[in-house]
Amino acid sequence: MTIGELARRTGCGIETIRYYEHEGLLPKPGRTSGNYRSYGQEHAELLSFIRHIGHVEERIAELQSLEGQLRELRDKCSSGRSAEHCGILRGLVDVPDDRNASGDNHVSRTHSTRR
C-alpha cells in the first residue's frame, strides 16, 4: 500500500509516518519500480500499536495532572476545619454518583474529548 493508504487506514499523518520511519520505529518499506514506498500489513499493525502507546501516554499525563490538582485542593483544605465546614468536600458530596451499571467506580468527565 502507498503511504497515503497507510495514513488513511491508521488515521496517522503522512509526515508522522515518515518521522516514525526516520526514527526507526517503523521498518523501512520496500520500494516500487517507480521508487515509491510500498507498505505492508505489518507496517499498519505496528503503526496502530505505536499510536495505542501514545494514547496510554496521554492518559497517564492527564491523570498526573488530575493528581496534582487534587493534591493542591487537599493542601488548601489542611486548615484544620472540620469536614462539614469544607466547601470542597460539601461540593463533592453533591456530585451525582456516576458509577456504571456494573458498579465500577469511575471518575466521570476526566477523559479528554481530543482524538
N, C-alpha and C. Protein backbone atom coordinates (compact mmCIF):
# COMPACT_ATOMS: atom_id res chain seq x y z
N MET A 1 0.85 -1.18 0.00
CA MET A 1 0.00 0.00 0.00
C MET A 1 0.89 1.24 0.00
N THR A 2 0.36 2.32 -0.48
CA THR A 2 1.12 3.58 -0.52
C THR A 2 1.09 4.23 0.87
N ILE A 3 1.89 5.25 1.05
CA ILE A 3 1.92 5.95 2.33
C ILE A 3 0.57 6.62 2.60
N GLY A 4 -0.09 7.10 1.54
CA GLY A 4 -1.41 7.70 1.70
C GLY A 4 -2.43 6.68 2.17
N GLU A 5 -2.38 5.48 1.61
CA GLU A 5 -3.30 4.41 2.04
C GLU A 5 -3.02 4.02 3.49
N LEU A 6 -1.74 3.92 3.85
CA LEU A 6 -1.38 3.59 5.23
C LEU A 6 -1.88 4.68 6.18
N ALA A 7 -1.74 5.93 5.79
CA ALA A 7 -2.21 7.04 6.62
C ALA A 7 -3.72 6.97 6.81
N ARG A 8 -4.46 6.73 5.75
CA ARG A 8 -5.93 6.63 5.86
C ARG A 8 -6.34 5.44 6.71
N ARG A 9 -5.68 4.33 6.52
CA ARG A 9 -6.04 3.10 7.23
C ARG A 9 -5.79 3.22 8.74
N THR A 10 -4.74 3.93 9.11
CA THR A 10 -4.37 4.01 10.53
C THR A 10 -4.76 5.32 11.20
N GLY A 11 -5.19 6.31 10.41
CA GLY A 11 -5.53 7.61 10.98
C GLY A 11 -4.32 8.41 11.41
N CYS A 12 -3.19 8.10 10.82
CA CYS A 12 -1.92 8.76 11.16
C CYS A 12 -1.49 9.63 9.98
N GLY A 13 -0.93 10.77 10.24
CA GLY A 13 -0.50 11.67 9.18
C GLY A 13 0.72 11.14 8.43
N ILE A 14 0.83 11.52 7.19
CA ILE A 14 1.93 11.08 6.34
C ILE A 14 3.27 11.52 6.92
N GLU A 15 3.36 12.76 7.37
CA GLU A 15 4.62 13.24 7.95
C GLU A 15 4.99 12.47 9.21
N THR A 16 3.99 12.09 9.98
CA THR A 16 4.24 11.31 11.19
C THR A 16 4.78 9.94 10.82
N ILE A 17 4.22 9.35 9.79
CA ILE A 17 4.71 8.05 9.33
C ILE A 17 6.18 8.16 8.91
N ARG A 18 6.48 9.19 8.14
CA ARG A 18 7.87 9.40 7.72
C ARG A 18 8.78 9.62 8.92
N TYR A 19 8.29 10.36 9.92
CA TYR A 19 9.08 10.60 11.13
C TYR A 19 9.35 9.28 11.86
N TYR A 20 8.31 8.46 12.06
CA TYR A 20 8.49 7.17 12.73
C TYR A 20 9.48 6.29 11.98
N GLU A 21 9.41 6.36 10.67
CA GLU A 21 10.34 5.61 9.82
C GLU A 21 11.77 6.11 10.06
N HIS A 22 11.94 7.42 10.04
CA HIS A 22 13.25 8.03 10.22
C HIS A 22 13.84 7.69 11.59
N GLU A 23 12.98 7.66 12.62
CA GLU A 23 13.42 7.37 13.98
C GLU A 23 13.62 5.88 14.23
N GLY A 24 13.28 5.05 13.25
CA GLY A 24 13.47 3.60 13.40
C GLY A 24 12.33 2.89 14.10
N LEU A 25 11.22 3.60 14.33
CA LEU A 25 10.07 2.95 14.97
C LEU A 25 9.31 2.07 13.98
N LEU A 26 9.36 2.44 12.73
CA LEU A 26 8.78 1.63 11.65
C LEU A 26 9.92 1.15 10.75
N PRO A 27 9.88 -0.10 10.33
CA PRO A 27 10.93 -0.56 9.41
C PRO A 27 10.80 0.14 8.06
N LYS A 28 11.91 0.29 7.39
CA LYS A 28 11.91 0.90 6.06
C LYS A 28 11.02 0.06 5.14
N PRO A 29 10.14 0.71 4.38
CA PRO A 29 9.28 -0.05 3.46
C PRO A 29 10.06 -0.43 2.20
N GLY A 30 9.49 -1.38 1.48
CA GLY A 30 10.05 -1.70 0.18
C GLY A 30 9.77 -0.56 -0.79
N ARG A 31 10.28 -0.67 -1.96
CA ARG A 31 10.08 0.37 -2.98
C ARG A 31 9.50 -0.27 -4.25
N THR A 32 8.63 0.47 -4.91
CA THR A 32 8.08 0.01 -6.18
C THR A 32 9.09 0.30 -7.29
N SER A 33 8.79 -0.17 -8.48
CA SER A 33 9.69 0.10 -9.61
C SER A 33 9.79 1.60 -9.90
N GLY A 34 8.77 2.35 -9.51
CA GLY A 34 8.79 3.81 -9.66
C GLY A 34 9.42 4.50 -8.46
N ASN A 35 10.01 3.73 -7.55
CA ASN A 35 10.69 4.22 -6.36
C ASN A 35 9.75 4.83 -5.30
N TYR A 36 8.47 4.43 -5.32
CA TYR A 36 7.53 4.85 -4.29
C TYR A 36 7.61 3.87 -3.12
N ARG A 37 7.37 4.37 -1.91
CA ARG A 37 7.35 3.48 -0.75
C ARG A 37 6.19 2.50 -0.90
N SER A 38 6.41 1.27 -0.46
CA SER A 38 5.39 0.23 -0.52
C SER A 38 5.27 -0.41 0.86
N TYR A 39 4.18 -0.12 1.55
CA TYR A 39 3.97 -0.60 2.91
C TYR A 39 3.11 -1.85 2.91
N GLY A 40 3.32 -2.69 3.92
CA GLY A 40 2.53 -3.91 4.07
C GLY A 40 1.67 -3.86 5.32
N GLN A 41 0.94 -4.94 5.53
CA GLN A 41 0.06 -5.05 6.70
C GLN A 41 0.86 -4.92 8.00
N GLU A 42 2.08 -5.44 8.02
CA GLU A 42 2.90 -5.35 9.25
C GLU A 42 3.18 -3.90 9.62
N HIS A 43 3.31 -3.03 8.62
CA HIS A 43 3.51 -1.61 8.91
C HIS A 43 2.25 -1.02 9.55
N ALA A 44 1.09 -1.39 9.02
CA ALA A 44 -0.17 -0.88 9.57
C ALA A 44 -0.36 -1.35 11.01
N GLU A 45 -0.06 -2.61 11.27
CA GLU A 45 -0.23 -3.15 12.62
C GLU A 45 0.74 -2.48 13.60
N LEU A 46 1.97 -2.31 13.20
CA LEU A 46 2.96 -1.68 14.07
C LEU A 46 2.62 -0.21 14.32
N LEU A 47 2.17 0.48 13.29
CA LEU A 47 1.80 1.88 13.43
C LEU A 47 0.60 2.02 14.37
N SER A 48 -0.37 1.14 14.25
CA SER A 48 -1.52 1.17 15.16
C SER A 48 -1.08 0.93 16.60
N PHE A 49 -0.13 0.02 16.79
CA PHE A 49 0.39 -0.26 18.13
C PHE A 49 1.11 0.96 18.70
N ILE A 50 1.93 1.61 17.88
CA ILE A 50 2.65 2.81 18.33
C ILE A 50 1.66 3.89 18.75
N ARG A 51 0.60 4.08 17.96
CA ARG A 51 -0.41 5.09 18.28
C ARG A 51 -1.15 4.72 19.56
N HIS A 52 -1.39 3.40 19.82
CA HIS A 52 -2.04 2.96 21.07
C HIS A 52 -1.18 3.33 22.26
N ILE A 53 0.14 3.16 22.14
CA ILE A 53 1.05 3.53 23.22
C ILE A 53 0.95 5.04 23.47
N GLY A 54 0.86 5.80 22.39
CA GLY A 54 0.70 7.26 22.52
C GLY A 54 -0.55 7.62 23.31
N HIS A 55 -1.62 6.88 23.07
CA HIS A 55 -2.87 7.13 23.79
C HIS A 55 -2.68 6.87 25.29
N VAL A 56 -1.98 5.80 25.62
CA VAL A 56 -1.72 5.48 27.02
C VAL A 56 -0.89 6.59 27.67
N GLU A 57 0.12 7.08 26.95
CA GLU A 57 0.94 8.17 27.48
C GLU A 57 0.11 9.42 27.74
N GLU A 58 -0.82 9.73 26.83
CA GLU A 58 -1.70 10.89 27.01
C GLU A 58 -2.56 10.73 28.26
N ARG A 59 -3.12 9.54 28.45
CA ARG A 59 -3.98 9.30 29.62
C ARG A 59 -3.18 9.41 30.91
N ILE A 60 -1.94 8.89 30.90
CA ILE A 60 -1.10 8.99 32.09
C ILE A 60 -0.85 10.47 32.42
N ALA A 61 -0.55 11.27 31.41
CA ALA A 61 -0.32 12.70 31.63
C ALA A 61 -1.57 13.38 32.17
N GLU A 62 -2.74 13.03 31.64
CA GLU A 62 -3.99 13.61 32.12
C GLU A 62 -4.23 13.24 33.58
N LEU A 63 -3.99 11.97 33.92
CA LEU A 63 -4.20 11.51 35.29
C LEU A 63 -3.19 12.14 36.25
N GLN A 64 -1.96 12.34 35.81
CA GLN A 64 -0.98 13.02 36.65
C GLN A 64 -1.38 14.47 36.90
N SER A 65 -1.94 15.10 35.90
CA SER A 65 -2.43 16.46 36.06
C SER A 65 -3.58 16.49 37.07
N LEU A 66 -4.49 15.54 36.95
CA LEU A 66 -5.61 15.45 37.89
C LEU A 66 -5.09 15.22 39.31
N GLU A 67 -4.09 14.35 39.43
CA GLU A 67 -3.50 14.09 40.75
C GLU A 67 -2.94 15.39 41.35
N GLY A 68 -2.24 16.16 40.54
CA GLY A 68 -1.69 17.42 41.02
C GLY A 68 -2.77 18.38 41.48
N GLN A 69 -3.85 18.46 40.72
CA GLN A 69 -4.95 19.34 41.10
C GLN A 69 -5.59 18.89 42.41
N LEU A 70 -5.76 17.58 42.57
CA LEU A 70 -6.35 17.06 43.81
C LEU A 70 -5.43 17.30 45.00
N ARG A 71 -4.12 17.17 44.80
CA ARG A 71 -3.18 17.44 45.88
C ARG A 71 -3.23 18.92 46.29
N GLU A 72 -3.36 19.81 45.31
CA GLU A 72 -3.48 21.24 45.61
C GLU A 72 -4.73 21.51 46.43
N LEU A 73 -5.85 20.88 46.04
CA LEU A 73 -7.09 21.05 46.80
C LEU A 73 -6.92 20.53 48.22
N ARG A 74 -6.27 19.38 48.35
CA ARG A 74 -6.06 18.81 49.69
C ARG A 74 -5.23 19.76 50.53
N ASP A 75 -4.18 20.34 49.94
CA ASP A 75 -3.32 21.26 50.68
C ASP A 75 -4.09 22.51 51.13
N LYS A 76 -5.02 22.95 50.31
CA LYS A 76 -5.83 24.12 50.67
C LYS A 76 -6.80 23.81 51.79
N CYS A 77 -7.14 22.54 51.95
CA CYS A 77 -8.10 22.15 52.98
C CYS A 77 -7.43 21.78 54.29
N SER A 78 -6.14 21.91 54.41
CA SER A 78 -5.45 21.48 55.63
C SER A 78 -5.45 22.56 56.71
N SER A 79 -6.49 23.36 56.73
CA SER A 79 -6.54 24.46 57.70
C SER A 79 -7.08 24.02 59.05
N GLY A 80 -7.37 22.75 59.21
CA GLY A 80 -7.85 22.27 60.50
C GLY A 80 -9.36 22.36 60.66
N ARG A 81 -10.05 22.80 59.62
CA ARG A 81 -11.51 22.87 59.70
C ARG A 81 -12.08 21.46 59.66
N SER A 82 -13.26 21.31 60.23
CA SER A 82 -13.92 20.01 60.17
C SER A 82 -14.50 19.81 58.77
N ALA A 83 -14.74 18.58 58.42
CA ALA A 83 -15.21 18.23 57.07
C ALA A 83 -16.51 18.94 56.71
N GLU A 84 -17.39 19.11 57.67
CA GLU A 84 -18.67 19.75 57.34
C GLU A 84 -18.53 21.23 57.02
N HIS A 85 -17.40 21.85 57.37
CA HIS A 85 -17.17 23.25 57.04
C HIS A 85 -16.31 23.46 55.80
N CYS A 86 -15.95 22.38 55.14
CA CYS A 86 -15.11 22.47 53.95
C CYS A 86 -15.99 22.53 52.71
N GLY A 87 -15.94 23.64 51.99
CA GLY A 87 -16.76 23.81 50.79
C GLY A 87 -16.43 22.80 49.71
N ILE A 88 -15.18 22.42 49.60
CA ILE A 88 -14.77 21.45 48.59
C ILE A 88 -15.42 20.10 48.87
N LEU A 89 -15.32 19.64 50.12
CA LEU A 89 -15.92 18.35 50.46
C LEU A 89 -17.44 18.39 50.33
N ARG A 90 -18.05 19.50 50.72
CA ARG A 90 -19.51 19.63 50.55
C ARG A 90 -19.87 19.53 49.07
N GLY A 91 -19.06 20.16 48.21
CA GLY A 91 -19.30 20.09 46.77
C GLY A 91 -19.17 18.69 46.23
N LEU A 92 -18.22 17.93 46.76
CA LEU A 92 -18.05 16.55 46.31
C LEU A 92 -19.22 15.68 46.72
N VAL A 93 -19.79 15.95 47.88
CA VAL A 93 -20.95 15.19 48.34
C VAL A 93 -22.14 15.43 47.42
N ASP A 94 -22.25 16.63 46.86
CA ASP A 94 -23.37 16.97 45.99
C ASP A 94 -23.23 16.45 44.57
N VAL A 95 -22.05 15.90 44.22
CA VAL A 95 -21.83 15.39 42.87
C VAL A 95 -22.60 14.10 42.73
N PRO A 96 -23.38 13.94 41.62
CA PRO A 96 -24.14 12.71 41.45
C PRO A 96 -23.20 11.52 41.30
N ASP A 97 -23.67 10.36 41.73
CA ASP A 97 -22.90 9.11 41.62
C ASP A 97 -22.94 8.64 40.18
N ASP A 98 -21.79 8.63 39.52
CA ASP A 98 -21.72 8.27 38.11
C ASP A 98 -21.20 6.85 37.89
N ARG A 99 -21.42 5.98 38.84
CA ARG A 99 -20.97 4.61 38.64
C ARG A 99 -21.79 3.98 37.54
N ASN A 100 -21.15 3.12 36.76
CA ASN A 100 -21.89 2.45 35.69
C ASN A 100 -22.67 1.28 36.26
N ALA A 101 -23.43 0.62 35.42
CA ALA A 101 -24.31 -0.45 35.86
C ALA A 101 -23.56 -1.61 36.52
N SER A 102 -22.30 -1.82 36.16
CA SER A 102 -21.55 -2.92 36.74
C SER A 102 -21.05 -2.60 38.14
N GLY A 103 -21.22 -1.34 38.57
CA GLY A 103 -20.80 -0.95 39.89
C GLY A 103 -19.36 -0.48 39.98
N ASP A 104 -18.67 -0.42 38.85
CA ASP A 104 -17.28 0.03 38.85
C ASP A 104 -17.22 1.51 39.21
N ASN A 105 -16.26 1.87 40.03
CA ASN A 105 -16.02 3.29 40.31
C ASN A 105 -15.28 3.88 39.13
N HIS A 106 -15.73 5.02 38.69
CA HIS A 106 -15.09 5.69 37.56
C HIS A 106 -15.28 7.17 37.75
N VAL A 107 -14.20 7.91 37.66
CA VAL A 107 -14.29 9.36 37.79
C VAL A 107 -14.78 9.89 36.45
N SER A 108 -15.99 10.38 36.43
CA SER A 108 -16.55 10.86 35.16
C SER A 108 -15.94 12.17 34.76
N ARG A 109 -16.09 12.51 33.50
CA ARG A 109 -15.65 13.77 32.93
C ARG A 109 -14.15 14.01 33.07
N THR A 110 -13.36 12.93 33.19
CA THR A 110 -11.91 13.10 33.28
C THR A 110 -11.24 12.75 31.97
N HIS A 111 -11.99 12.21 31.04
CA HIS A 111 -11.41 11.84 29.75
C HIS A 111 -11.42 13.03 28.81
N SER A 112 -10.34 13.19 28.11
CA SER A 112 -10.24 14.25 27.12
C SER A 112 -11.13 13.89 25.94
N THR A 113 -11.71 14.90 25.31
CA THR A 113 -12.50 14.66 24.11
C THR A 113 -11.66 14.74 22.85
N ARG A 114 -10.34 15.04 23.03
CA ARG A 114 -9.44 15.11 21.87
C ARG A 114 -9.17 13.71 21.37
N ARG A 115 -8.98 13.60 20.10
CA ARG A 115 -8.62 12.31 19.48
C ARG A 115 -7.46 12.50 18.59
